[in-house]
C-alpha atoms as a PDB file:
ATOM      1  CA  MET A   1      -0.089   0.086  -0.263  1.00  0.00           C
ATOM      2  CA  ALA A   2       2.897   2.158   0.541  1.00  0.00           C
ATOM      3  CA  GLY A   3       3.671   1.964  -3.417  1.00  0.00           C
ATOM      4  CA  ALA A   4       0.202   2.991  -4.222  1.00  0.00           C
ATOM      5  CA  ALA A   5       0.741   5.900  -1.816  1.00  0.00           C
ATOM      6  CA  CYS A   6       3.965   7.215  -3.374  1.00  0.00           C
ATOM      7  CA  LEU A   7       2.363   6.884  -6.909  1.00  0.00           C
ATOM      8  CA  GLU A   8      -0.696   8.722  -5.692  1.00  0.00           C
ATOM      9  CA  VAL A   9       1.967  11.544  -5.053  1.00  0.00           C
ATOM     10  CA  VAL A  10       3.188  11.242  -8.409  1.00  0.00           C
ATOM     11  CA  TRP A  11      -0.156  11.394  -9.983  1.00  0.00           C
ATOM     12  CA  VAL A  12      -1.389  14.350  -7.968  1.00  0.00           C
ATOM     13  CA  ILE A  13       1.872  16.536  -8.573  1.00  0.00           C
ATOM     14  CA  GLY A  14       1.534  15.412 -12.273  1.00  0.00           C
ATOM     15  CA  LEU A  15      -2.179  16.674 -12.405  1.00  0.00           C
ATOM     16  CA  LYS A  16      -0.933  20.185 -11.519  1.00  0.00           C
ATOM     17  CA  HIS A  17       2.582  20.470 -12.971  1.00  0.00           C
ATOM     18  CA  ALA A  18       2.756  18.101 -16.173  1.00  0.00           C
ATOM     19  CA  SER A  19       2.800  19.981 -19.343  1.00  0.00           C
ATOM     20  CA  VAL A  20       4.293  17.825 -22.198  1.00  0.00           C
ATOM     21  CA  PRO A  21       3.068  14.546 -23.325  1.00  0.00           C
ATOM     22  CA  TRP A  22       5.442  12.343 -21.428  1.00  0.00           C
ATOM     23  CA  GLU A  23       4.575  14.048 -18.305  1.00  0.00           C
ATOM     24  CA  TRP A  24       1.060  13.072 -18.731  1.00  0.00           C
ATOM     25  CA  LEU A  25       1.794   9.517 -19.672  1.00  0.00           C
ATOM     26  CA  ILE A  26       3.762   9.178 -16.262  1.00  0.00           C
ATOM     27  CA  THR A  27       0.748  10.900 -14.561  1.00  0.00           C
ATOM     28  CA  GLY A  28      -1.875   8.659 -16.323  1.00  0.00           C
ATOM     29  CA  LEU A  29       0.328   5.346 -15.480  1.00  0.00           C
ATOM     30  CA  ALA A  30       0.792   6.205 -11.997  1.00  0.00           C
ATOM     31  CA  LEU A  31      -3.100   6.989 -11.389  1.00  0.00           C
ATOM     32  CA  LEU A  32      -3.838   3.328 -13.030  1.00  0.00           C
ATOM     33  CA  VAL A  33      -1.373   1.553 -10.982  1.00  0.00           C
ATOM     34  CA  SER A  34      -2.214   3.546  -8.029  1.00  0.00           C
ATOM     35  CA  PHE A  35      -5.636   2.738  -7.941  1.00  0.00           C
ATOM     36  CA  TYR A  36      -5.082  -1.012  -9.087  1.00  0.00           C
ATOM     37  CA  THR A  37      -3.019  -1.407  -6.167  1.00  0.00           C
ATOM     38  CA  ILE A  38      -5.825   0.012  -3.890  1.00  0.00           C
ATOM     39  CA  ILE A  39      -8.249  -2.427  -5.381  1.00  0.00           C
ATOM     40  CA  VAL A  40      -5.889  -5.424  -4.933  1.00  0.00           C
ATOM     41  CA  ALA A  41      -5.389  -4.373  -1.167  1.00  0.00           C
ATOM     42  CA  SER A  42      -9.103  -4.045  -0.775  1.00  0.00           C
ATOM     43  CA  ARG A  43      -9.653  -7.672  -1.611  1.00  0.00           C
ATOM     44  CA  LYS A  44      -7.766  -8.507   1.585  1.00  0.00           C
ATOM     45  CA  LEU A  45      -8.479  -5.706   3.900  1.00  0.00           C
ATOM     46  CA  PRO A  46     -11.295  -3.705   4.907  1.00  0.00           C
ATOM     47  CA  VAL A  47     -12.033  -1.054   2.489  1.00  0.00           C
ATOM     48  CA  GLY A  48     -11.989   1.774   4.946  1.00  0.00           C
ATOM     49  CA  THR A  49      -9.015   0.807   6.039  1.00  0.00           C
ATOM     50  CA  VAL A  50      -7.484   0.755   2.726  1.00  0.00           C
ATOM     51  CA  TYR A  51      -8.572   3.836   1.863  1.00  0.00           C
ATOM     52  CA  SER A  52      -7.689   5.622   5.058  1.00  0.00           C
ATOM     53  CA  VAL A  53      -4.164   4.601   4.772  1.00  0.00           C
ATOM     54  CA  PHE A  54      -3.927   5.220   0.794  1.00  0.00           C
ATOM     55  CA  VAL A  55      -5.359   8.928   1.195  1.00  0.00           C
ATOM     56  CA  GLY A  56      -3.447   9.620   4.547  1.00  0.00           C
ATOM     57  CA  LEU A  57       0.001   8.534   3.104  1.00  0.00           C
ATOM     58  CA  GLY A  58      -0.823  10.012  -0.200  1.00  0.00           C
ATOM     59  CA  THR A  59      -1.688  13.276   1.572  1.00  0.00           C
ATOM     60  CA  ALA A  60       1.272  13.630   3.633  1.00  0.00           C
ATOM     61  CA  GLY A  61       3.657  12.535   0.819  1.00  0.00           C
ATOM     62  CA  THR A  62       2.130  15.267  -1.524  1.00  0.00           C
ATOM     63  CA  VAL A  63       2.363  18.044   1.110  1.00  0.00           C
ATOM     64  CA  LEU A  64       6.005  17.071   1.708  1.00  0.00           C
ATOM     65  CA  ALA A  65       6.884  17.085  -1.874  1.00  0.00           C
ATOM     66  CA  ASP A  66       5.344  20.171  -2.421  1.00  0.00           C
ATOM     67  CA  MET A  67       7.445  21.589   0.548  1.00  0.00           C
ATOM     68  CA  LEU A  68      10.650  20.047  -0.782  1.00  0.00           C
ATOM     69  CA  TRP A  69      10.475  20.151  -4.502  1.00  0.00           C
ATOM     70  CA  PHE A  70       8.009  22.957  -5.514  1.00  0.00           C
ATOM     71  CA  GLY A  71       8.875  25.865  -3.036  1.00  0.00           C
ATOM     72  CA  GLU A  72       5.904  25.223  -0.642  1.00  0.00           C
ATOM     73  CA  PRO A  73       6.944  27.293   2.294  1.00  0.00           C
ATOM     74  CA  PHE A  74       7.705  25.205   5.113  1.00  0.00           C
ATOM     75  CA  ARG A  75       5.545  25.671   8.506  1.00  0.00           C
ATOM     76  CA  TRP A  76       6.069  23.661  11.503  1.00  0.00           C
ATOM     77  CA  ILE A  77       2.450  23.237  12.163  1.00  0.00           C
ATOM     78  CA  LYS A  78       2.346  21.448   8.681  1.00  0.00           C
ATOM     79  CA  LEU A  79       4.760  19.042   9.824  1.00  0.00           C
ATOM     80  CA  VAL A  80       3.163  18.562  13.181  1.00  0.00           C
ATOM     81  CA  LEU A  81      -0.288  18.113  11.529  1.00  0.00           C
ATOM     82  CA  ILE A  82       1.348  15.636   9.028  1.00  0.00           C
ATOM     83  CA  LEU A  83       2.579  13.552  11.998  1.00  0.00           C
ATOM     84  CA  VAL A  84      -0.747  13.366  13.576  1.00  0.00           C
ATOM     85  CA  LEU A  85      -2.171  12.292  10.271  1.00  0.00           C
ATOM     86  CA  LEU A  86       0.402   9.714   9.965  1.00  0.00           C
ATOM     87  CA  ALA A  87      -0.321   8.699  13.613  1.00  0.00           C
ATOM     88  CA  GLY A  88      -3.828   8.178  12.995  1.00  0.00           C
ATOM     89  CA  VAL A  89      -3.138   6.096   9.801  1.00  0.00           C
ATOM     90  CA  ILE A  90      -0.717   3.805  11.693  1.00  0.00           C
ATOM     91  CA  GLY A  91      -3.156   3.661  14.377  1.00  0.00           C
ATOM     92  CA  LEU A  92      -6.043   2.367  11.918  1.00  0.00           C
ATOM     93  CA  LYS A  93      -3.482  -0.066  10.331  1.00  0.00           C
ATOM     94  CA  LEU A  94      -2.669  -1.674  13.943  1.00  0.00           C
ATOM     95  CA  VAL A  95      -6.117  -2.008  15.061  1.00  0.00           C
ATOM     96  CA  THR A  96      -7.161  -3.560  11.778  1.00  0.00           C
ATOM     97  CA  GLY A  97      -6.220  -7.394  11.933  1.00  0.00           C
ATOM     98  CA  ASN A  98      -6.456  -9.942   9.311  1.00  0.00           C
ATOM     99  CA  SER A  99      -9.719 -11.312  11.277  1.00  0.00           C
ATOM    100  CA  HIS A 100     -11.523  -8.888   8.909  1.00  0.00           C
ATOM    101  CA  THR A 101     -10.273 -10.720   5.986  1.00  0.00           C
ATOM    102  CA  LYS A 102     -12.839 -11.411   3.287  1.00  0.00           C
ATOM    103  CA  GLU A 103     -12.788 -14.358   0.563  1.00  0.00           C
ATOM    104  CA  VAL A 104     -12.993 -13.338  -3.048  1.00  0.00           C
ATOM    105  CA  SER A 105     -14.409 -15.954  -5.368  1.00  0.00           C
END
């Protein structure tokens, strides 16, 4: 799921910054692989957990990428809030055991 979150960062940034065909191609491929990965993960874990982890990690990664590579001003409060978000995502993942696994026919 971490890979899907990384790809989410790529396609979200691509939607804002892509300007030539090869950048749009990378953006589209990242989107497709990211969503495929989330679909596969949702076959084994509860959808709410998968979606929360996916969006939480993607949001944190996008905010950090904006600050590191695209000139978004660094603010300590953003870092603190990202850490709170990640703590929630990790906590949700920890309390969701494999007992919720469903079988796919």
